[in-house]
Protein backbone atom coordinates (compact mmCIF):
# COMPACT_ATOMS: atom_id res chain seq x y z
CA MET A 1 110.81 103.40 111.30
CA THR A 2 111.01 106.39 108.97
CA TYR A 3 113.33 107.53 106.21
CA LYS A 4 115.51 110.12 107.91
CA THR A 5 118.37 110.33 105.42
CA ILE A 6 117.37 110.33 101.77
CA LEU A 7 119.96 110.40 98.99
CA THR A 8 119.69 111.26 95.32
CA VAL A 9 122.49 111.41 92.78
CA ARG A 10 122.75 113.78 89.83
CA THR A 11 125.27 113.62 86.99
CA GLN A 12 124.11 116.57 84.92
CA ALA A 13 122.95 120.11 85.56
CA GLU A 14 120.04 119.99 83.14
CA GLY A 15 117.41 117.36 82.53
CA ASP A 16 114.46 115.94 84.41
CA THR A 17 114.32 116.72 88.15
CA THR A 18 111.68 114.16 89.12
CA ALA A 19 113.97 112.29 91.53
CA LEU A 20 115.25 115.47 93.19
CA ASP A 21 111.71 116.83 93.58
CA GLN A 22 110.40 113.62 95.09
CA ALA A 23 113.41 113.18 97.37
CA GLU A 24 112.78 116.66 98.75
CA ALA A 25 109.09 115.88 99.22
CA LEU A 26 109.86 112.66 101.10
CA VAL A 27 112.33 114.46 103.37
CA ARG A 28 109.69 117.05 104.18
CA ARG A 29 107.11 114.38 105.04
CA ASN A 30 109.53 112.48 107.27
CA SER A 31 111.24 115.49 108.87
CA GLY A 32 114.50 114.09 107.60
CA HIS A 33 117.61 115.23 105.77
CA LEU A 34 118.29 115.37 102.04
CA ASP A 35 121.72 114.48 100.65
CA VAL A 36 122.48 115.23 97.00
CA LEU A 37 125.59 113.71 95.46
CA CYS A 38 126.72 115.53 92.30
CA LEU A 39 129.05 113.40 90.20
CA GLY A 40 131.43 114.50 87.47
CA VAL A 41 132.06 111.37 85.44
CA ASP A 42 135.44 110.98 83.79
CA ARG A 43 134.64 108.87 80.73
CA THR A 44 138.25 108.15 79.78
CA ARG A 45 138.52 104.69 78.24
CA VAL A 46 141.87 103.40 79.42
CA GLY A 47 143.83 101.64 76.70
CA TYR A 48 141.56 102.87 73.91
CA TYR A 49 143.61 105.86 72.71
CA ASP A 50 147.02 105.68 71.08
CA GLY A 51 150.00 106.74 73.17
CA GLY A 52 150.53 110.08 71.47
CA ALA A 53 146.96 111.32 71.93
CA SER A 54 146.24 109.67 75.26
CA ALA A 55 147.56 112.36 77.63
CA VAL A 56 145.81 115.19 75.81
CA VAL A 57 142.49 113.34 75.56
CA ILE A 58 142.57 112.22 79.17
CA GLN A 59 143.24 115.76 80.38
CA THR A 60 140.44 117.12 78.17
CA LEU A 61 137.91 114.60 79.50
CA LEU A 62 138.99 115.23 83.08
CA GLU A 63 138.51 118.98 82.65
CA ARG A 64 135.10 118.32 81.15
CA ALA A 65 134.15 116.22 84.19
CA ARG A 66 135.25 119.05 86.49
CA GLU A 67 133.17 121.57 84.57
CA GLU A 68 130.15 119.26 84.59
CA VAL A 69 130.27 118.68 88.34
CA LYS A 70 130.60 122.42 89.01
CA ALA A 71 127.59 123.14 86.81
CA THR A 72 125.57 120.35 88.44
CA GLU A 73 126.43 121.54 91.94
CA ALA A 74 125.46 125.10 91.05
CA ALA A 75 122.13 124.00 89.55
CA VAL A 76 121.25 121.81 92.54
CA SER A 77 122.27 124.48 95.06
CA GLU A 78 120.15 127.06 93.25
CA ARG A 79 117.23 124.62 93.10
CA LEU A 80 117.43 124.00 96.87
CA ARG A 81 118.34 127.56 97.87
CA THR A 82 114.79 128.35 99.01
CA SER A 83 114.02 124.83 100.21
CA GLU A 84 112.83 124.49 103.78
CA VAL A 85 114.27 121.01 104.23
CA PRO A 86 117.71 120.35 105.75
CA HIS A 87 120.05 119.38 102.95
CA ALA A 88 123.66 118.98 101.93
CA VAL A 89 125.25 118.90 98.49
CA PHE A 90 128.34 116.76 97.92
CA THR A 91 130.57 116.57 94.85
CA ALA A 92 132.94 113.97 93.47
CA ILE A 93 134.79 113.29 90.25
CA THR A 94 135.04 109.63 89.39
CA PRO A 95 135.99 107.44 86.44
CA LEU A 96 133.02 105.63 84.97
CA GLY A 97 134.50 102.33 86.14
CA ASP A 98 134.72 103.51 89.76
CA ILE A 99 131.28 105.08 90.01
CA SER A 100 129.88 102.16 92.03
CA ARG A 101 132.44 102.54 94.82
CA VAL A 102 131.87 106.29 95.17
CA THR A 103 128.09 105.92 95.12
CA ALA A 104 128.05 103.04 97.60
CA HIS A 105 130.13 105.03 100.11
CA HIS A 106 127.38 107.65 100.32
CA ALA A 107 124.42 105.29 99.90
CA ARG A 108 125.40 102.98 102.76
CA PHE A 109 124.65 105.75 105.27
CA SER A 110 121.26 106.57 103.75
CA ASP A 111 117.86 105.09 104.54
CA LEU A 112 116.60 105.44 100.98
CA MET A 113 117.95 106.42 97.58
CA VAL A 114 115.64 108.15 95.09
CA MET A 115 116.66 107.92 91.43
CA ASP A 116 115.33 108.44 87.95
CA LYS A 117 114.60 105.39 85.81
CA PRO A 118 118.03 104.29 84.50
CA TYR A 119 116.95 103.33 81.00
CA GLY A 120 115.31 105.34 78.24
CA PRO A 121 115.93 108.42 76.10
CA ASN A 122 118.55 110.86 77.40
CA LYS A 123 119.71 108.43 80.09
CA GLY A 124 123.48 108.17 80.44
CA PRO A 125 125.34 104.91 81.11
CA GLU A 126 126.22 106.05 84.63
CA ILE A 127 122.67 105.76 86.06
CA GLU A 128 122.57 101.97 85.96
CA PRO A 129 125.74 101.41 88.07
CA ILE A 130 124.55 104.08 90.51
CA VAL A 131 121.30 102.18 91.13
CA GLU A 132 123.07 98.82 91.31
CA ALA A 133 125.70 100.15 93.72
CA ALA A 134 122.99 101.19 96.17
CA LEU A 135 121.22 97.83 95.89
CA PHE A 136 124.22 95.49 96.00
CA ASP A 137 127.10 97.31 97.69
CA ALA A 138 125.21 99.51 100.15
CA ARG A 139 122.10 97.32 100.64
CA THR A 140 120.05 100.52 100.47
CA PRO A 141 116.53 100.45 99.00
CA VAL A 142 116.05 102.48 95.83
CA LEU A 143 112.89 104.30 94.81
CA VAL A 144 112.98 104.48 91.00
CA LEU A 145 110.81 107.14 89.40
CA PRO A 146 109.77 107.32 85.75
CA ASP A 147 110.05 110.87 84.41
CA GLY A 148 107.20 113.11 85.49
CA THR A 149 105.77 110.72 88.11
CA ALA A 150 105.10 111.51 91.75
CA LEU A 151 104.52 109.40 94.83
CA PRO A 152 101.42 110.60 96.71
CA GLU A 153 101.87 111.57 100.34
CA THR A 154 99.29 108.91 101.20
CA PRO A 155 99.39 106.19 98.52
CA GLY A 156 95.97 104.77 97.77
CA THR A 157 97.19 101.34 96.64
CA VAL A 158 100.63 99.77 96.80
CA LEU A 159 101.37 96.58 94.88
CA VAL A 160 103.85 94.17 96.49
CA ALA A 161 105.37 91.54 94.18
CA TRP A 162 105.74 88.42 96.32
CA ASP A 163 107.63 85.28 95.24
CA GLU A 164 108.82 84.05 98.67
CA SER A 165 112.39 85.21 97.90
CA ILE A 166 114.74 86.91 100.35
CA GLN A 167 114.96 89.84 97.93
CA ALA A 168 111.18 90.34 98.02
CA LEU A 169 111.16 90.12 101.81
CA ALA A 170 113.98 92.69 102.02
CA ALA A 171 111.95 95.05 99.83
CA VAL A 172 108.87 94.63 102.03
CA ARG A 173 110.79 95.32 105.24
CA LYS A 174 112.53 98.38 103.81
CA SER A 175 109.29 99.80 102.43
CA LEU A 176 107.31 99.51 105.67
CA PRO A 177 106.96 103.28 106.18
CA LEU A 178 105.28 103.55 102.79
CA LEU A 179 103.19 100.42 103.27
CA GLN A 180 101.91 101.67 106.62
CA SER A 181 100.81 104.94 105.05
CA ALA A 182 98.96 103.27 102.17
CA GLY A 183 95.21 102.83 102.05
CA LEU A 184 95.59 99.27 100.74
CA VAL A 185 98.50 96.95 100.03
CA ARG A 186 97.86 94.26 97.44
CA ILE A 187 100.19 91.25 97.67
CA ALA A 188 100.56 89.92 94.13
CA VAL A 189 101.55 86.26 93.84
CA ILE A 190 102.09 85.08 90.27
CA ASP A 191 101.73 81.35 89.58
CA PRO A 192 102.62 80.17 93.12
CA PRO A 193 104.52 76.84 93.10
CA GLN A 194 102.30 73.82 93.68
CA HIS A 195 104.78 72.26 96.06
CA GLY A 196 106.09 75.40 97.78
CA ILE A 197 106.03 75.97 101.52
CA GLU A 198 103.15 78.45 101.09
CA ARG A 199 101.18 76.26 98.64
CA SER A 200 98.05 76.15 100.81
CA ASP A 201 98.01 79.90 101.50
CA PRO A 202 100.13 81.90 99.03
CA GLY A 203 101.17 85.20 100.58
CA GLY A 204 99.36 84.41 103.82
CA MET A 205 102.34 84.63 106.16
CA LEU A 206 103.43 87.93 104.61
CA ALA A 207 99.91 89.33 105.00
CA GLN A 208 99.94 88.28 108.65
CA MET A 209 103.31 89.96 109.24
CA LEU A 210 102.15 93.18 107.60
CA SER A 211 98.84 93.24 109.45
CA ARG A 212 100.74 93.20 112.74
CA HIS A 213 102.39 96.42 111.57
CA GLY A 214 99.00 97.99 110.96
CA VAL A 215 99.04 97.46 107.19
CA ASN A 216 95.71 96.87 105.47
CA CYS A 217 96.42 94.21 102.84
CA GLU A 218 94.80 91.78 100.44
CA ILE A 219 96.26 88.90 98.44
CA ASP A 220 95.91 88.63 94.65
CA VAL A 221 96.88 85.29 93.13
CA LEU A 222 97.58 85.88 89.44
CA SER A 223 98.27 83.67 86.46
CA LYS A 224 101.18 84.42 84.19
CA THR A 225 99.06 85.23 81.15
CA LEU A 226 101.77 87.42 79.58
CA PRO A 227 105.28 86.36 78.48
CA ARG A 228 107.09 88.35 81.15
CA THR A 229 106.45 88.58 84.88
CA SER A 230 107.10 92.32 84.73
CA ASP A 231 104.28 92.69 82.20
CA VAL A 232 101.86 90.90 84.52
CA LEU A 233 102.88 93.17 87.42
CA SER A 234 102.61 96.32 85.31
CA ARG A 235 99.18 95.38 84.00
CA HIS A 236 97.92 94.50 87.48
CA ALA A 237 99.28 97.80 88.80
CA GLN A 238 97.38 99.60 86.07
CA ASP A 239 94.18 97.61 86.66
CA THR A 240 94.24 98.29 90.41
CA GLY A 241 95.34 101.92 90.14
CA ALA A 242 98.50 101.27 92.16
CA ASP A 243 100.61 104.31 93.07
CA LEU A 244 103.72 102.24 93.85
CA ILE A 245 105.20 98.81 93.13
CA VAL A 246 107.43 97.17 95.77
CA MET A 247 109.62 94.29 94.63
CA GLY A 248 112.88 92.49 95.25
CA ALA A 249 115.71 93.28 92.85
CA TYR A 250 117.89 90.89 90.87
CA GLY A 251 116.83 87.44 91.98
CA HIS A 252 119.15 86.30 89.16
CA SER A 253 122.64 87.64 88.58
CA ARG A 254 123.10 91.12 87.13
CA PHE A 255 125.11 89.64 84.26
CA ARG A 256 122.34 87.23 83.35
CA GLU A 257 119.71 89.97 83.45
CA SER A 258 121.85 92.33 81.37
CA ILE A 259 122.23 89.67 78.67
CA LEU A 260 118.99 87.70 78.81
CA GLY A 261 116.71 90.16 80.56
CA GLY A 262 114.72 89.57 83.74
CA THR A 263 111.95 90.99 85.88
CA THR A 264 114.17 93.66 87.47
CA ARG A 265 115.70 94.83 84.19
CA ASN A 266 112.36 94.85 82.38
CA MET A 267 110.65 96.76 85.19
CA LEU A 268 113.42 99.35 85.28
CA GLU A 269 113.03 99.81 81.54
CA HIS A 270 109.25 99.92 81.22
CA ALA A 271 107.75 100.95 84.59
CA SER A 272 105.15 103.69 84.37
CA VAL A 273 104.67 104.09 88.15
CA PRO A 274 107.27 104.48 90.93
CA VAL A 275 109.02 101.24 91.92
CA LEU A 276 110.78 100.59 95.23
CA MET A 277 113.43 97.87 95.00
CA ALA A 278 115.75 96.22 97.47
CA HIS A 279 118.21 93.34 97.36
């Protein structure tokens, strides 16, 4: 298994190009194909404007979206003009409320999506639904990259967050090409349940499965010594020099995590190393 079709989505011509750079690098390593979806986002808020101004404002915002997508397409095409990897650039104009449907249509035919971290300075509101559309609607794994980070061609250490959930198992299966290329995979189990099915050997069955795929792995059983699970994972990644974190996404509902927070939301906000997620 390799990643043959890799997708990234851009919504602006300027800004950080970490995701685009890393998507191109991954395509080159896997002899695959790069798809870039350039979106012009129509931010019209239906029902917000009064009747007299509505038509003018809507037309103005639509024209702005058209100009933005043209500029983004031109910037991406110029960036990839001398690239040696096979690639295609697609464009679409979509209302903010329909961005998930448009993204999912492209993502469902991709092996991997590579995206910038959705939260932080200069991050628009459209990045979050793009990432969630790939995870939920397309069931495509997403490699999330903090600005300025890079995934080594041969990762030294990869940290797998294991909690016995179907989401975590999906992330492991969809990250196998990266796990097989790593020098060491550390399976992190935080406060394993005393009465769980793996209580006598936390992470043991996963380690056995991975070893049969040629993955060199070790198991780290950790205590939750920090308030949030994401903090424990981040600190362990830092302590072990991990190049990548692999984890399941949204074990709880998206609504609950958006209101109360959760491991996925916190990791997407504060990760300092690349994170591969799947649902």
